[in-house]
Every structure is written in structure tokens, then in C-alpha cells.
């Protein structure tokens, strides 16, 4: 690698080394979502009390009294509290799909086709998978944004590389013309 092309590359590599990792940069976004989910918990307790919902045993294959109203309140809380904390429409769609899955699984419990415990196991797995998918998506977004910025920086230094190449050629010519 010649000196002219090495300087901008070294600068860009140094710049990249100073940046936080995509996982670290994603942390703030994921923390915001985690905080929104945590702030949903008091709302759930209020929903439980308003609906008069008292959960049944996990082995039951039926809904508890007040559960329909409780879950409707839960869905509204997700729409009002959790979804606004997600900056990407695509990802908000994933969380809306979780609500749809919850409705479908709750219908299965209501119809006696699934126990409450089975529903909870499925929902826990869906929430975990969606959270992991979101984290990977956010990390990919950060990495893509970083590459875009680095490419812009590289293009910004490209004219300097040409100038340096011309200066190197002139130095060679100068050395050939003027003896030392």
C-alpha cells in the first residue's frame, strides 16, 4: 500500500476503533425499550384490579374471570407505552404481532385447546425471540449507519489521496531533475 492511500485508510481505521461497538451503541435503544416494558408493570397491576382478574392455575384450559378485560387493558398499554419507545416501524410490527399471537393463544385457552401454562410458555418464547430479533436488528442498523459514515469519510478524503499522489510524482521528478 502506498503512503497516499494509507493515510486516509489509517485515519478511518483509527476513527472506527474509537467508536463504540454496535452492541454498545444499541444499548441505549434497547434500554429505552426495557424501561418502557418496566413502566408497563404498574399499568398491568391497575388493569388487574380494574378488571377483577385473578389468574387461575397454569393447568387450567379456560380463562379466568375478568381476563378478557385485563388482556384488553394490557394490549392498550403495549400500544400506548411500549410501541412509542421503538423507533423503527418494522420492529413495532413485530410487537404488534406478539399481541396478535397473545390473542390467538388466549382464544385457544378459552376454547379449551391449550392450558394457561402452555400459553405462557409459548408467549415467553415469543417475547424472548422478538427481543433477541430486535437487538440484532438494532445492532445491524448501527453497523450499517457506521459503514455509511465511514464511506462518506473515505469519499471526503479521496481528493486528498489524488493530491498526495501528484505530490509524490512531483517529488520523484524533482529528484530526477535536481541532483542532490
C-alpha atoms as a PDB file:
ATOM      1  CA  UNK A   1       0.000   0.000   0.000  1.00  0.00           C
ATOM      2  CA  UNK A   2       1.405   3.388  -0.926  1.00  0.00           C
ATOM      3  CA  UNK A   3       1.608   6.231   1.516  1.00  0.00           C
ATOM      4  CA  UNK A   4      -1.085   8.277  -0.191  1.00  0.00           C
ATOM      5  CA  UNK A   5      -3.798   5.653   0.131  1.00  0.00           C
ATOM      6  CA  UNK A   6      -2.613   4.549   3.571  1.00  0.00           C
ATOM      7  CA  UNK A   7      -3.155   7.833   5.353  1.00  0.00           C
ATOM      8  CA  UNK A   8      -6.912   8.110   4.838  1.00  0.00           C
ATOM      9  CA  UNK A   9      -7.310   4.388   5.482  1.00  0.00           C
ATOM     10  CA  UNK A  10      -5.316   4.653   8.713  1.00  0.00           C
ATOM     11  CA  UNK A  11      -7.421   7.632   9.737  1.00  0.00           C
ATOM     12  CA  UNK A  12     -10.646   5.752   9.039  1.00  0.00           C
ATOM     13  CA  UNK A  13      -9.438   2.671  10.866  1.00  0.00           C
ATOM     14  CA  UNK A  14      -8.491   4.841  13.829  1.00  0.00           C
ATOM     15  CA  UNK A  15     -11.870   6.517  13.723  1.00  0.00           C
ATOM     16  CA  UNK A  16     -13.589   3.133  13.653  1.00  0.00           C
ATOM     17  CA  UNK A  17     -11.524   1.931  16.606  1.00  0.00           C
ATOM     18  CA  UNK A  18     -12.673   4.915  18.666  1.00  0.00           C
ATOM     19  CA  UNK A  19     -16.348   4.171  18.090  1.00  0.00           C
ATOM     20  CA  UNK A  20     -18.400   2.133  20.483  1.00  0.00           C
ATOM     21  CA  UNK A  21     -19.284  -1.356  19.332  1.00  0.00           C
ATOM     22  CA  UNK A  22     -22.671  -1.786  17.650  1.00  0.00           C
ATOM     23  CA  UNK A  23     -23.810  -3.679  20.754  1.00  0.00           C
ATOM     24  CA  UNK A  24     -22.806  -0.730  22.978  1.00  0.00           C
ATOM     25  CA  UNK A  25     -24.477   1.829  20.697  1.00  0.00           C
ATOM     26  CA  UNK A  26     -27.599  -0.308  20.590  1.00  0.00           C
ATOM     27  CA  UNK A  27     -27.671  -0.416  24.362  1.00  0.00           C
ATOM     28  CA  UNK A  28     -29.406   2.944  24.701  1.00  0.00           C
ATOM     29  CA  UNK A  29     -32.161   1.953  22.288  1.00  0.00           C
ATOM     30  CA  UNK A  30     -32.718  -1.410  23.965  1.00  0.00           C
ATOM     31  CA  UNK A  31     -32.553   0.216  27.412  1.00  0.00           C
ATOM     32  CA  UNK A  32     -35.307   2.618  26.331  1.00  0.00           C
ATOM     33  CA  UNK A  33     -37.478  -0.337  25.323  1.00  0.00           C
ATOM     34  CA  UNK A  34     -36.684  -2.204  28.547  1.00  0.00           C
ATOM     35  CA  UNK A  35     -37.664   0.905  30.535  1.00  0.00           C
ATOM     36  CA  UNK A  36     -40.950   1.134  28.630  1.00  0.00           C
ATOM     37  CA  UNK A  37     -41.688  -2.529  29.331  1.00  0.00           C
ATOM     38  CA  UNK A  38     -40.823  -1.995  33.007  1.00  0.00           C
ATOM     39  CA  UNK A  39     -43.130   1.037  33.158  1.00  0.00           C
ATOM     40  CA  UNK A  40     -45.918  -1.178  31.832  1.00  0.00           C
ATOM     41  CA  UNK A  41     -45.858  -3.270  35.036  1.00  0.00           C
ATOM     42  CA  UNK A  42     -47.718  -0.747  37.242  1.00  0.00           C
ATOM     43  CA  UNK A  43     -50.259  -0.392  34.448  1.00  0.00           C
ATOM     44  CA  UNK A  44     -50.751  -4.163  34.460  1.00  0.00           C
ATOM     45  CA  UNK A  45     -51.462  -4.121  38.167  1.00  0.00           C
ATOM     46  CA  UNK A  46     -54.032  -1.362  37.645  1.00  0.00           C
ATOM     47  CA  UNK A  47     -55.547  -3.386  34.795  1.00  0.00           C
ATOM     48  CA  UNK A  48     -55.722  -6.444  37.035  1.00  0.00           C
ATOM     49  CA  UNK A  49     -57.538  -4.544  39.760  1.00  0.00           C
ATOM     50  CA  UNK A  50     -59.928  -2.741  37.387  1.00  0.00           C
ATOM     51  CA  UNK A  51     -60.868  -5.988  35.619  1.00  0.00           C
ATOM     52  CA  UNK A  52     -61.067  -8.034  38.814  1.00  0.00           C
ATOM     53  CA  UNK A  53     -58.703 -10.513  37.208  1.00  0.00           C
ATOM     54  CA  UNK A  54     -57.365 -13.303  39.398  1.00  0.00           C
ATOM     55  CA  UNK A  55     -55.234 -15.799  37.461  1.00  0.00           C
ATOM     56  CA  UNK A  56     -56.153 -19.447  37.545  1.00  0.00           C
ATOM     57  CA  UNK A  57     -53.788 -22.396  37.874  1.00  0.00           C
ATOM     58  CA  UNK A  58     -51.462 -22.985  34.896  1.00  0.00           C
ATOM     59  CA  UNK A  59     -53.069 -26.377  34.296  1.00  0.00           C
ATOM     60  CA  UNK A  60     -56.479 -24.839  33.591  1.00  0.00           C
ATOM     61  CA  UNK A  61     -57.681 -24.713  29.989  1.00  0.00           C
ATOM     62  CA  UNK A  62     -60.095 -21.822  30.448  1.00  0.00           C
ATOM     63  CA  UNK A  63     -59.998 -18.068  31.010  1.00  0.00           C
ATOM     64  CA  UNK A  64     -60.180 -16.564  34.470  1.00  0.00           C
ATOM     65  CA  UNK A  65     -62.933 -14.149  35.455  1.00  0.00           C
ATOM     66  CA  UNK A  66     -62.003 -10.653  34.221  1.00  0.00           C
ATOM     67  CA  UNK A  67     -59.220 -11.962  31.992  1.00  0.00           C
ATOM     68  CA  UNK A  68     -60.680 -10.642  28.728  1.00  0.00           C
ATOM     69  CA  UNK A  69     -60.862  -7.082  30.144  1.00  0.00           C
ATOM     70  CA  UNK A  70     -57.408  -7.475  31.712  1.00  0.00           C
ATOM     71  CA  UNK A  71     -55.832  -8.550  28.431  1.00  0.00           C
ATOM     72  CA  UNK A  72     -57.587  -5.752  26.516  1.00  0.00           C
ATOM     73  CA  UNK A  73     -56.077  -3.293  29.001  1.00  0.00           C
ATOM     74  CA  UNK A  74     -52.683  -4.982  28.562  1.00  0.00           C
ATOM     75  CA  UNK A  75     -52.898  -4.624  24.765  1.00  0.00           C
ATOM     76  CA  UNK A  76     -53.775  -0.941  25.118  1.00  0.00           C
ATOM     77  CA  UNK A  77     -50.787  -0.472  27.447  1.00  0.00           C
ATOM     78  CA  UNK A  78     -48.461  -2.034  24.912  1.00  0.00           C
ATOM     79  CA  UNK A  79     -49.805   0.317  22.212  1.00  0.00           C
ATOM     80  CA  UNK A  80     -49.521   3.389  24.451  1.00  0.00           C
ATOM     81  CA  UNK A  81     -46.301   2.691  26.370  1.00  0.00           C
ATOM     82  CA  UNK A  82     -44.119   0.090  24.657  1.00  0.00           C
ATOM     83  CA  UNK A  83     -44.595   0.793  20.951  1.00  0.00           C
ATOM     84  CA  UNK A  84     -43.731   4.519  21.154  1.00  0.00           C
ATOM     85  CA  UNK A  85     -40.369   3.536  22.686  1.00  0.00           C
ATOM     86  CA  UNK A  86     -39.453   1.663  19.492  1.00  0.00           C
ATOM     87  CA  UNK A  87     -38.067   3.972  16.794  1.00  0.00           C
ATOM     88  CA  UNK A  88     -38.455   1.518  13.894  1.00  0.00           C
ATOM     89  CA  UNK A  89     -41.883   0.853  12.349  1.00  0.00           C
ATOM     90  CA  UNK A  90     -40.791  -2.619  11.240  1.00  0.00           C
ATOM     91  CA  UNK A  91     -39.970  -3.568  14.827  1.00  0.00           C
ATOM     92  CA  UNK A  92     -43.218  -2.080  16.150  1.00  0.00           C
ATOM     93  CA  UNK A  93     -44.911  -4.508  13.753  1.00  0.00           C
ATOM     94  CA  UNK A  94     -43.135  -7.406  15.444  1.00  0.00           C
ATOM     95  CA  UNK A  95     -44.517  -6.337  18.820  1.00  0.00           C
ATOM     96  CA  UNK A  96     -47.996  -5.891  17.346  1.00  0.00           C
ATOM     97  CA  UNK A  97     -47.655  -9.464  16.047  1.00  0.00           C
ATOM     98  CA  UNK A  98     -46.930 -10.541  19.643  1.00  0.00           C
ATOM     99  CA  UNK A  99     -50.252  -9.030  20.698  1.00  0.00           C
ATOM    100  CA  UNK A 100     -51.953 -10.901  17.848  1.00  0.00           C
ATOM    101  CA  UNK A 101     -50.241 -14.122  18.963  1.00  0.00           C
ATOM    102  CA  UNK A 102     -51.416 -13.496  22.520  1.00  0.00           C
ATOM    103  CA  UNK A 103     -54.982 -13.064  21.285  1.00  0.00           C
ATOM    104  CA  UNK A 104     -54.764 -16.288  19.256  1.00  0.00           C
ATOM    105  CA  UNK A 105     -53.289 -18.253  22.159  1.00  0.00           C
ATOM    106  CA  UNK A 106     -55.851 -16.788  24.562  1.00  0.00           C
ATOM    107  CA  UNK A 107     -58.590 -17.923  22.187  1.00  0.00           C
ATOM    108  CA  UNK A 108     -57.066 -21.409  22.328  1.00  0.00           C
ATOM    109  CA  UNK A 109     -57.172 -21.317  26.146  1.00  0.00           C
ATOM    110  CA  UNK A 110     -60.737 -20.005  26.032  1.00  0.00           C
ATOM    111  CA  UNK A 111     -61.733 -22.878  23.730  1.00  0.00           C
ATOM    112  CA  UNK A 112     -60.059 -25.478  25.959  1.00  0.00           C
ATOM    113  CA  UNK A 113     -57.455 -26.358  23.297  1.00  0.00           C
ATOM    114  CA  UNK A 114     -54.498 -25.171  25.385  1.00  0.00           C
ATOM    115  CA  UNK A 115     -53.706 -24.768  29.068  1.00  0.00           C
ATOM    116  CA  UNK A 116     -52.776 -21.461  30.592  1.00  0.00           C
ATOM    117  CA  UNK A 117     -49.287 -22.793  31.292  1.00  0.00           C
ATOM    118  CA  UNK A 118     -48.799 -23.874  27.684  1.00  0.00           C
ATOM    119  CA  UNK A 119     -49.889 -20.423  26.548  1.00  0.00           C
ATOM    120  CA  UNK A 120     -47.438 -18.783  28.933  1.00  0.00           C
ATOM    121  CA  UNK A 121     -44.542 -20.961  27.753  1.00  0.00           C
ATOM    122  CA  UNK A 122     -45.303 -20.045  24.122  1.00  0.00           C
ATOM    123  CA  UNK A 123     -45.680 -16.351  24.938  1.00  0.00           C
ATOM    124  CA  UNK A 124     -42.437 -16.272  26.932  1.00  0.00           C
ATOM    125  CA  UNK A 125     -40.592 -17.854  23.991  1.00  0.00           C
ATOM    126  CA  UNK A 126     -42.173 -15.400  21.530  1.00  0.00           C
ATOM    127  CA  UNK A 127     -41.254 -12.378  23.676  1.00  0.00           C
ATOM    128  CA  UNK A 128     -37.693 -13.635  24.122  1.00  0.00           C
ATOM    129  CA  UNK A 129     -37.285 -14.328  20.386  1.00  0.00           C
ATOM    130  CA  UNK A 130     -38.711 -10.920  19.465  1.00  0.00           C
ATOM    131  CA  UNK A 131     -36.405  -9.196  21.956  1.00  0.00           C
ATOM    132  CA  UNK A 132     -33.383 -11.008  20.522  1.00  0.00           C
ATOM    133  CA  UNK A 133     -34.516 -10.205  16.985  1.00  0.00           C
ATOM    134  CA  UNK A 134     -34.879  -6.536  17.933  1.00  0.00           C
ATOM    135  CA  UNK A 135     -31.419  -6.425  19.500  1.00  0.00           C
ATOM    136  CA  UNK A 136     -29.888  -7.977  16.357  1.00  0.00           C
ATOM    137  CA  UNK A 137     -31.857  -5.574  14.153  1.00  0.00           C
ATOM    138  CA  UNK A 138     -30.721  -2.542  16.157  1.00  0.00           C
ATOM    139  CA  UNK A 139     -27.093  -3.735  16.068  1.00  0.00           C
ATOM    140  CA  UNK A 140     -27.334  -4.214  12.310  1.00  0.00           C
ATOM    141  CA  UNK A 141     -28.775  -0.685  11.955  1.00  0.00           C
ATOM    142  CA  UNK A 142     -25.897   0.763  13.982  1.00  0.00           C
ATOM    143  CA  UNK A 143     -23.333  -1.156  11.921  1.00  0.00           C
ATOM    144  CA  UNK A 144     -24.970  -0.050   8.644  1.00  0.00           C
ATOM    145  CA  UNK A 145     -25.052   3.572   9.804  1.00  0.00           C
ATOM    146  CA  UNK A 146     -21.416   3.340  10.809  1.00  0.00           C
ATOM    147  CA  UNK A 147     -20.428   1.942   7.409  1.00  0.00           C
ATOM    148  CA  UNK A 148     -22.323   4.746   5.696  1.00  0.00           C
ATOM    149  CA  UNK A 149     -20.483   7.348   7.787  1.00  0.00           C
ATOM    150  CA  UNK A 150     -17.115   5.701   7.163  1.00  0.00           C
ATOM    151  CA  UNK A 151     -17.774   5.567   3.429  1.00  0.00           C
ATOM    152  CA  UNK A 152     -18.661   9.266   3.469  1.00  0.00           C
ATOM    153  CA  UNK A 153     -15.404   9.987   5.314  1.00  0.00           C
ATOM    154  CA  UNK A 154     -13.463   7.897   2.814  1.00  0.00           C
ATOM    155  CA  UNK A 155     -15.009   9.832  -0.070  1.00  0.00           C
ATOM    156  CA  UNK A 156     -14.203  13.080   1.686  1.00  0.00           C
ATOM    157  CA  UNK A 157     -10.518  12.104   1.835  1.00  0.00           C
ATOM    158  CA  UNK A 158     -10.386  10.702  -1.697  1.00  0.00           C
ATOM    159  CA  UNK A 159      -9.406  14.073  -3.268  1.00  0.00           C
ATOM    160  CA  UNK A 160      -6.554  14.339  -0.751  1.00  0.00           C
ATOM    161  CA  UNK A 161      -5.253  10.984  -1.923  1.00  0.00           C
ATOM    162  CA  UNK A 162      -5.083  12.236  -5.507  1.00  0.00           C
ATOM    163  CA  UNK A 163      -3.243  15.382  -4.404  1.00  0.00           C
ATOM    164  CA  UNK A 164      -0.780  13.272  -2.414  1.00  0.00           C
ATOM    165  CA  UNK A 165      -0.165  11.007  -5.418  1.00  0.00           C
ATOM    166  CA  UNK A 166       0.582  14.070  -7.585  1.00  0.00           C
ATOM    167  CA  UNK A 167       2.897  15.434  -4.884  1.00  0.00           C
ATOM    168  CA  UNK A 168       4.733  12.095  -4.753  1.00  0.00           C
ATOM    169  CA  UNK A 169       5.186  12.101  -8.546  1.00  0.00           C
ATOM    170  CA  UNK A 170       6.417  15.687  -8.492  1.00  0.00           C
ATOM    171  CA  UNK A 171       8.883  14.761  -5.760  1.00  0.00           C
ATOM    172  CA  UNK A 172      10.214  11.913  -7.918  1.00  0.00           C
ATOM    173  CA  UNK A 173      10.514  14.223 -10.942  1.00  0.00           C
ATOM    174  CA  UNK A 174      12.102  16.906  -8.786  1.00  0.00           C
ATOM    175  CA  UNK A 175      14.628  14.385  -7.530  1.00  0.00           C
ATOM    176  CA  UNK A 176      15.436  13.319 -11.079  1.00  0.00           C
ATOM    177  CA  UNK A 177      15.915  16.887 -12.307  1.00  0.00           C
ATOM    178  CA  UNK A 178      17.803  18.337  -9.401  1.00  0.00           C
ATOM    179  CA  UNK A 179      20.725  16.247  -8.240  1.00  0.00           C
ATOM    180  CA  UNK A 180      21.281  16.100  -4.509  1.00  0.00           C
END
